[in-house]
Amino acid sequence: MTRIMVAEDERHIRELVVGTLFDYGYDVLEAKNGREAYNLACKEIPDLILLDVMMPKMNGFQVLEKLKENTLTNRIPVVTLTAVGA
């Protein structure tokens, strides 16, 4: 089963995305901040990461940089998300 990690600090957004993915049959992991997202990705090695840009402890760009530096996680596809306008 495809495992997707959702890293989002806003509870209502995270719950909506996690619930939708679960309804479509995906195995879903959740992280509430950047540090938790990085640690969970290293432990669980998901097939895809949906990564919020604006998060506490480590922002999405910092998480992405650390993921790409780590040989265990550098091949995981990452989609960054943000509600912040350009």
C-alpha atoms as a PDB file:
ATOM      1  CA  MET A   1       0.000   0.000   0.000  1.00  0.00           C
ATOM      2  CA  THR A   2       1.257   3.479  -0.848  1.00  0.00           C
ATOM      3  CA  ARG A   3       2.293   5.440   2.234  1.00  0.00           C
ATOM      4  CA  ILE A   4       1.931   9.222   2.185  1.00  0.00           C
ATOM      5  CA  MET A   5       3.131  11.564   4.909  1.00  0.00           C
ATOM      6  CA  VAL A   6       1.230  14.812   5.466  1.00  0.00           C
ATOM      7  CA  ALA A   7       3.290  17.460   7.268  1.00  0.00           C
ATOM      8  CA  GLU A   8       0.999  20.354   8.205  1.00  0.00           C
ATOM      9  CA  ASP A   9       0.834  22.362  11.429  1.00  0.00           C
ATOM     10  CA  GLU A  10      -2.742  23.600  10.952  1.00  0.00           C
ATOM     11  CA  ARG A  11      -4.895  20.866  12.494  1.00  0.00           C
ATOM     12  CA  HIS A  12      -8.011  21.394  10.365  1.00  0.00           C
ATOM     13  CA  ILE A  13      -6.034  21.366   7.094  1.00  0.00           C
ATOM     14  CA  ARG A  14      -4.034  18.311   8.175  1.00  0.00           C
ATOM     15  CA  GLU A  15      -7.187  16.430   9.175  1.00  0.00           C
ATOM     16  CA  LEU A  16      -8.895  17.265   5.869  1.00  0.00           C
ATOM     17  CA  VAL A  17      -5.941  16.076   3.764  1.00  0.00           C
ATOM     18  CA  VAL A  18      -5.313  12.985   5.900  1.00  0.00           C
ATOM     19  CA  GLY A  19      -9.004  12.031   5.840  1.00  0.00           C
ATOM     20  CA  THR A  20      -9.265  12.442   2.083  1.00  0.00           C
ATOM     21  CA  LEU A  21      -6.161  10.359   1.412  1.00  0.00           C
ATOM     22  CA  PHE A  22      -7.346   7.687   3.853  1.00  0.00           C
ATOM     23  CA  ASP A  23     -10.739   7.555   2.091  1.00  0.00           C
ATOM     24  CA  TYR A  24      -8.887   6.866  -1.169  1.00  0.00           C
ATOM     25  CA  GLY A  25      -7.120   3.917   0.414  1.00  0.00           C
ATOM     26  CA  TYR A  26      -3.683   5.351   1.192  1.00  0.00           C
ATOM     27  CA  ASP A  27      -1.684   4.562   4.309  1.00  0.00           C
ATOM     28  CA  VAL A  28      -1.257   8.034   5.826  1.00  0.00           C
ATOM     29  CA  LEU A  29       1.291   9.361   8.309  1.00  0.00           C
ATOM     30  CA  GLU A  30       0.933  12.780   9.944  1.00  0.00           C
ATOM     31  CA  ALA A  31       3.409  15.295  11.293  1.00  0.00           C
ATOM     32  CA  LYS A  32       2.526  18.522  13.117  1.00  0.00           C
ATOM     33  CA  ASN A  33       5.811  20.409  12.713  1.00  0.00           C
ATOM     34  CA  GLY A  34       8.994  20.346  10.678  1.00  0.00           C
ATOM     35  CA  ARG A  35      11.158  18.457  13.146  1.00  0.00           C
ATOM     36  CA  GLU A  36       8.490  15.780  13.572  1.00  0.00           C
ATOM     37  CA  ALA A  37       8.147  15.546   9.774  1.00  0.00           C
ATOM     38  CA  TYR A  38      11.862  14.979   9.265  1.00  0.00           C
ATOM     39  CA  ASN A  39      12.137  12.400  12.054  1.00  0.00           C
ATOM     40  CA  LEU A  40       9.043  10.516  10.872  1.00  0.00           C
ATOM     41  CA  ALA A  41      10.251  10.482   7.269  1.00  0.00           C
ATOM     42  CA  CYS A  42      13.596   9.012   8.358  1.00  0.00           C
ATOM     43  CA  LYS A  43      11.875   6.341  10.438  1.00  0.00           C
ATOM     44  CA  GLU A  44       8.997   5.357   8.127  1.00  0.00           C
ATOM     45  CA  ILE A  45      10.376   6.185   4.623  1.00  0.00           C
ATOM     46  CA  PRO A  46       7.042   7.171   3.014  1.00  0.00           C
ATOM     47  CA  ASP A  47       6.427   6.911  -0.736  1.00  0.00           C
ATOM     48  CA  LEU A  48       5.427  10.586  -0.959  1.00  0.00           C
ATOM     49  CA  ILE A  49       5.558  13.617   1.338  1.00  0.00           C
ATOM     50  CA  LEU A  50       3.076  16.509   1.267  1.00  0.00           C
ATOM     51  CA  LEU A  51       5.035  19.229   3.058  1.00  0.00           C
ATOM     52  CA  ASP A  52       3.711  22.565   4.297  1.00  0.00           C
ATOM     53  CA  VAL A  53       6.169  25.427   3.859  1.00  0.00           C
ATOM     54  CA  MET A  54       5.230  27.436   6.966  1.00  0.00           C
ATOM     55  CA  MET A  55       5.651  25.215  10.037  1.00  0.00           C
ATOM     56  CA  PRO A  56       7.150  25.601  13.516  1.00  0.00           C
ATOM     57  CA  LYS A  57      10.452  24.095  14.689  1.00  0.00           C
ATOM     58  CA  MET A  58      11.694  23.686  11.081  1.00  0.00           C
ATOM     59  CA  ASN A  59      10.029  25.223   8.050  1.00  0.00           C
ATOM     60  CA  GLY A  60       9.274  23.153   4.964  1.00  0.00           C
ATOM     61  CA  PHE A  61      12.351  24.362   3.086  1.00  0.00           C
ATOM     62  CA  GLN A  62      14.611  23.348   5.972  1.00  0.00           C
ATOM     63  CA  VAL A  63      12.946  19.933   6.134  1.00  0.00           C
ATOM     64  CA  LEU A  64      13.319  19.493   2.379  1.00  0.00           C
ATOM     65  CA  GLU A  65      17.008  20.395   2.546  1.00  0.00           C
ATOM     66  CA  LYS A  66      17.642  17.848   5.304  1.00  0.00           C
ATOM     67  CA  LEU A  67      15.642  15.175   3.442  1.00  0.00           C
ATOM     68  CA  LYS A  68      17.716  15.712   0.288  1.00  0.00           C
ATOM     69  CA  GLU A  69      20.989  15.494   2.264  1.00  0.00           C
ATOM     70  CA  ASN A  70      20.026  12.146   3.829  1.00  0.00           C
ATOM     71  CA  THR A  71      20.679   9.037   1.720  1.00  0.00           C
ATOM     72  CA  LEU A  72      17.681   7.303   3.340  1.00  0.00           C
ATOM     73  CA  THR A  73      15.235  10.009   2.280  1.00  0.00           C
ATOM     74  CA  ASN A  74      16.732  11.840  -0.693  1.00  0.00           C
ATOM     75  CA  ARG A  75      14.699   9.906  -3.285  1.00  0.00           C
ATOM     76  CA  ILE A  76      11.298  10.460  -1.667  1.00  0.00           C
ATOM     77  CA  PRO A  77       9.142  12.730  -3.863  1.00  0.00           C
ATOM     78  CA  VAL A  78       8.041  15.866  -2.003  1.00  0.00           C
ATOM     79  CA  VAL A  79       5.192  18.223  -2.856  1.00  0.00           C
ATOM     80  CA  THR A  80       5.365  21.521  -0.992  1.00  0.00           C
ATOM     81  CA  LEU A  81       2.162  23.293  -0.041  1.00  0.00           C
ATOM     82  CA  THR A  82       1.453  26.773   1.218  1.00  0.00           C
ATOM     83  CA  ALA A  83      -1.454  29.103   1.762  1.00  0.00           C
ATOM     84  CA  VAL A  84       0.846  32.135   1.596  1.00  0.00           C
ATOM     85  CA  GLY A  85       0.401  34.266  -1.521  1.00  0.00           C
ATOM     86  CA  ALA A  86       3.308  35.171  -3.780  1.00  0.00           C
END
